[in-house]
PDB file of N, CA and C in Angstrom:
ATOM      1  N   GLY A   1      26.014  -8.805  -4.484  1.00  0.00           N
ATOM      2  CA  GLY A   1      26.321  -9.052  -3.079  1.00  0.00           C
ATOM      3  C   GLY A   1      25.059  -9.080  -2.225  1.00  0.00           C
ATOM      4  N   VAL A   2      25.278  -9.229  -0.933  1.00  0.00           N
ATOM      5  CA  VAL A   2      24.160  -9.317  -0.002  1.00  0.00           C
ATOM      6  C   VAL A   2      23.351  -8.019   0.006  1.00  0.00           C
ATOM      7  N   MET A   3      24.045  -6.889  -0.009  1.00  0.00           N
ATOM      8  CA  MET A   3      23.347  -5.602   0.059  1.00  0.00           C
ATOM      9  C   MET A   3      22.375  -5.436  -1.104  1.00  0.00           C
ATOM     10  N   GLU A   4      22.829  -5.758  -2.301  1.00  0.00           N
ATOM     11  CA  GLU A   4      21.962  -5.600  -3.469  1.00  0.00           C
ATOM     12  C   GLU A   4      20.729  -6.473  -3.349  1.00  0.00           C
ATOM     13  N   ARG A   5      20.938  -7.713  -2.897  1.00  0.00           N
ATOM     14  CA  ARG A   5      19.799  -8.637  -2.771  1.00  0.00           C
ATOM     15  C   ARG A   5      18.826  -8.123  -1.723  1.00  0.00           C
ATOM     16  N   GLU A   6      19.360  -7.650  -0.601  1.00  0.00           N
ATOM     17  CA  GLU A   6      18.486  -7.115   0.454  1.00  0.00           C
ATOM     18  C   GLU A   6      17.683  -5.937  -0.078  1.00  0.00           C
ATOM     19  N   ARG A   7      18.350  -5.048  -0.818  1.00  0.00           N
ATOM     20  CA  ARG A   7      17.672  -3.876  -1.342  1.00  0.00           C
ATOM     21  C   ARG A   7      16.588  -4.300  -2.334  1.00  0.00           C
ATOM     22  N   ALA A   8      16.883  -5.297  -3.160  1.00  0.00           N
ATOM     23  CA  ALA A   8      15.900  -5.776  -4.137  1.00  0.00           C
ATOM     24  C   ALA A   8      14.657  -6.325  -3.418  1.00  0.00           C
ATOM     25  N   VAL A   9      14.898  -7.074  -2.350  1.00  0.00           N
ATOM     26  CA  VAL A   9      13.774  -7.627  -1.587  1.00  0.00           C
ATOM     27  C   VAL A   9      12.940  -6.497  -0.987  1.00  0.00           C
ATOM     28  N   MET A  10      13.614  -5.487  -0.430  1.00  0.00           N
ATOM     29  CA  MET A  10      12.899  -4.360   0.173  1.00  0.00           C
ATOM     30  C   MET A  10      12.061  -3.646  -0.883  1.00  0.00           C
ATOM     31  N   GLU A  11      12.645  -3.412  -2.057  1.00  0.00           N
ATOM     32  CA  GLU A  11      11.922  -2.728  -3.132  1.00  0.00           C
ATOM     33  C   GLU A  11      10.676  -3.520  -3.516  1.00  0.00           C
ATOM     34  N   ARG A  12      10.849  -4.849  -3.659  1.00  0.00           N
ATOM     35  CA  ARG A  12       9.719  -5.679  -4.065  1.00  0.00           C
ATOM     36  C   ARG A  12       8.621  -5.628  -3.007  1.00  0.00           C
ATOM     37  N   GLU A  13       9.017  -5.715  -1.733  1.00  0.00           N
ATOM     38  CA  GLU A  13       8.019  -5.670  -0.661  1.00  0.00           C
ATOM     39  C   GLU A  13       7.307  -4.323  -0.661  1.00  0.00           C
ATOM     40  N   LYS A  14       8.050  -3.253  -0.914  1.00  0.00           N
ATOM     41  CA  LYS A  14       7.443  -1.921  -0.931  1.00  0.00           C
ATOM     42  C   LYS A  14       6.431  -1.839  -2.073  1.00  0.00           C
ATOM     43  N   LEU A  15       6.803  -2.367  -3.226  1.00  0.00           N
ATOM     44  CA  LEU A  15       5.881  -2.358  -4.364  1.00  0.00           C
ATOM     45  C   LEU A  15       4.621  -3.153  -4.027  1.00  0.00           C
ATOM     46  N   MET A  16       4.785  -4.315  -3.413  1.00  0.00           N
ATOM     47  CA  MET A  16       3.627  -5.138  -3.057  1.00  0.00           C
ATOM     48  C   MET A  16       2.720  -4.388  -2.094  1.00  0.00           C
ATOM     49  N   MET A  17       3.317  -3.716  -1.117  1.00  0.00           N
ATOM     50  CA  MET A  17       2.523  -2.977  -0.143  1.00  0.00           C
ATOM     51  C   MET A  17       1.754  -1.857  -0.824  1.00  0.00           C
ATOM     52  N   GLU A  18       2.415  -1.165  -1.760  1.00  0.00           N
ATOM     53  CA  GLU A  18       1.745  -0.078  -2.467  1.00  0.00           C
ATOM     54  C   GLU A  18       0.599  -0.623  -3.315  1.00  0.00           C
ATOM     55  N   LYS A  19       0.824  -1.792  -3.947  1.00  0.00           N
ATOM     56  CA  LYS A  19      -0.224  -2.390  -4.761  1.00  0.00           C
ATOM     57  C   LYS A  19      -1.409  -2.777  -3.875  1.00  0.00           C
ATOM     58  N   ASP A  20      -1.104  -3.383  -2.724  1.00  0.00           N
ATOM     59  CA  ASP A  20      -2.167  -3.763  -1.790  1.00  0.00           C
ATOM     60  C   ASP A  20      -2.940  -2.531  -1.345  1.00  0.00           C
ATOM     61  N   ARG A  21      -2.228  -1.447  -1.070  1.00  0.00           N
ATOM     62  CA  ARG A  21      -2.892  -0.238  -0.600  1.00  0.00           C
ATOM     63  C   ARG A  21      -3.795   0.318  -1.701  1.00  0.00           C
ATOM     64  N   ASP A  22      -3.321   0.275  -2.950  1.00  0.00           N
ATOM     65  CA  ASP A  22      -4.155   0.741  -4.056  1.00  0.00           C
ATOM     66  C   ASP A  22      -5.413  -0.107  -4.173  1.00  0.00           C
ATOM     67  N   THR A  23      -5.256  -1.429  -4.015  1.00  0.00           N
ATOM     68  CA  THR A  23      -6.409  -2.327  -4.111  1.00  0.00           C
ATOM     69  C   THR A  23      -7.385  -2.038  -2.984  1.00  0.00           C
ATOM     70  N   LEU A  24      -6.867  -1.945  -1.756  1.00  0.00           N
ATOM     71  CA  LEU A  24      -7.714  -1.619  -0.615  1.00  0.00           C
ATOM     72  C   LEU A  24      -8.415  -0.302  -0.838  1.00  0.00           C
ATOM     73  N   CYS A  25      -7.677   0.648  -1.418  1.00  0.00           N
ATOM     74  CA  CYS A  25      -8.213   1.972  -1.667  1.00  0.00           C
ATOM     75  C   CYS A  25      -9.411   1.884  -2.609  1.00  0.00           C
ATOM     76  N   ARG A  26      -9.251   1.145  -3.699  1.00  0.00           N
ATOM     77  CA  ARG A  26     -10.345   1.007  -4.656  1.00  0.00           C
ATOM     78  C   ARG A  26     -11.538   0.319  -4.014  1.00  0.00           C
ATOM     79  N   GLU A  27     -11.281  -0.733  -3.229  1.00  0.00           N
ATOM     80  CA  GLU A  27     -12.371  -1.444  -2.571  1.00  0.00           C
ATOM     81  C   GLU A  27     -13.063  -0.531  -1.571  1.00  0.00           C
ATOM     82  N   HIS A  28     -12.318   0.417  -1.038  1.00  0.00           N
ATOM     83  CA  HIS A  28     -12.834   1.298   0.003  1.00  0.00           C
ATOM     84  C   HIS A  28     -13.671   2.421  -0.588  1.00  0.00           C
ATOM     85  N   GLN A  29     -13.481   2.715  -1.876  1.00  0.00           N
ATOM     86  CA  GLN A  29     -14.225   3.797  -2.515  1.00  0.00           C
ATOM     87  C   GLN A  29     -15.720   3.555  -2.374  1.00  0.00           C
ATOM     88  N   GLY A  30     -16.457   4.633  -2.142  1.00  0.00           N
ATOM     89  CA  GLY A  30     -17.905   4.517  -2.054  1.00  0.00           C
ATOM     90  C   GLY A  30     -18.381   4.064  -0.691  1.00  0.00           C
ATOM     91  N   GLN A  31     -17.445   3.746   0.193  1.00  0.00           N
ATOM     92  CA  GLN A  31     -17.826   3.346   1.542  1.00  0.00           C
ATOM     93  C   GLN A  31     -17.708   4.547   2.473  1.00  0.00           C
ATOM     94  N   ASP A  32     -17.894   4.303   3.746  1.00  0.00           N
ATOM     95  CA  ASP A  32     -17.911   5.374   4.739  1.00  0.00           C
ATOM     96  C   ASP A  32     -16.672   6.247   4.618  1.00  0.00           C
ATOM     97  N   LYS A  33     -16.866   7.492   4.217  1.00  0.00           N
ATOM     98  CA  LYS A  33     -15.719   8.373   3.971  1.00  0.00           C
ATOM     99  C   LYS A  33     -15.033   8.769   5.270  1.00  0.00           C
ATOM    100  N   GLU A  34     -15.775   8.929   6.344  1.00  0.00           N
ATOM    101  CA  GLU A  34     -15.150   9.261   7.628  1.00  0.00           C
ATOM    102  C   GLU A  34     -14.224   8.132   8.056  1.00  0.00           C
ATOM    103  N   GLU A  35     -14.720   6.929   7.986  1.00  0.00           N
ATOM    104  CA  GLU A  35     -13.900   5.769   8.329  1.00  0.00           C
ATOM    105  C   GLU A  35     -12.670   5.739   7.435  1.00  0.00           C
ATOM    106  N   HIS A  36     -12.870   6.099   6.175  1.00  0.00           N
ATOM    107  CA  HIS A  36     -11.772   6.103   5.210  1.00  0.00           C
ATOM    108  C   HIS A  36     -10.702   7.105   5.623  1.00  0.00           C
ATOM    109  N   LYS A  37     -11.128   8.301   6.009  1.00  0.00           N
ATOM    110  CA  LYS A  37     -10.170   9.329   6.406  1.00  0.00           C
ATOM    111  C   LYS A  37      -9.460   8.944   7.695  1.00  0.00           C
ATOM    112  N   MET A  38     -10.203   8.331   8.614  1.00  0.00           N
ATOM    113  CA  MET A  38      -9.614   7.944   9.899  1.00  0.00           C
ATOM    114  C   MET A  38      -8.646   6.780   9.719  1.00  0.00           C
ATOM    115  N   GLY A  39      -8.906   5.936   8.716  1.00  0.00           N
ATOM    116  CA  GLY A  39      -8.118   4.722   8.532  1.00  0.00           C
ATOM    117  C   GLY A  39      -6.718   4.984   8.029  1.00  0.00           C
ATOM    118  N   GLU A  40      -5.960   3.919   7.879  1.00  0.00           N
ATOM    119  CA  GLU A  40      -4.586   4.041   7.429  1.00  0.00           C
ATOM    120  C   GLU A  40      -4.515   4.086   5.906  1.00  0.00           C
ATOM    121  N   ILE A  41      -5.632   3.794   5.254  1.00  0.00           N
ATOM    122  CA  ILE A  41      -5.632   3.795   3.804  1.00  0.00           C
ATOM    123  C   ILE A  41      -5.752   5.224   3.313  1.00  0.00           C
ATOM    124  N   SER A  42      -4.783   5.653   2.523  1.00  0.00           N
ATOM    125  CA  SER A  42      -4.847   7.002   1.976  1.00  0.00           C
ATOM    126  C   SER A  42      -4.922   6.912   0.467  1.00  0.00           C
ATOM    127  N   CYS A  43      -6.014   7.416  -0.099  1.00  0.00           N
ATOM    128  CA  CYS A  43      -6.179   7.387  -1.551  1.00  0.00           C
ATOM    129  C   CYS A  43      -5.528   8.610  -2.152  1.00  0.00           C
ATOM    130  N   THR A  44      -4.891   8.381  -3.291  1.00  0.00           N
ATOM    131  CA  THR A  44      -4.320   9.512  -3.999  1.00  0.00           C
ATOM    132  C   THR A  44      -5.299   9.982  -5.054  1.00  0.00           C
TER     133      THR A  44
END
């Protein structure tokens, strides 16, 4: 039904966002740590 499809789309978008954040996080490593802490990127 519609609900399942909507939920699937949301899950996929969430996964993409998490992947992007991980990529940004890796690219951010070794750079200004203060800027990193202040930014929206949070490394685990």
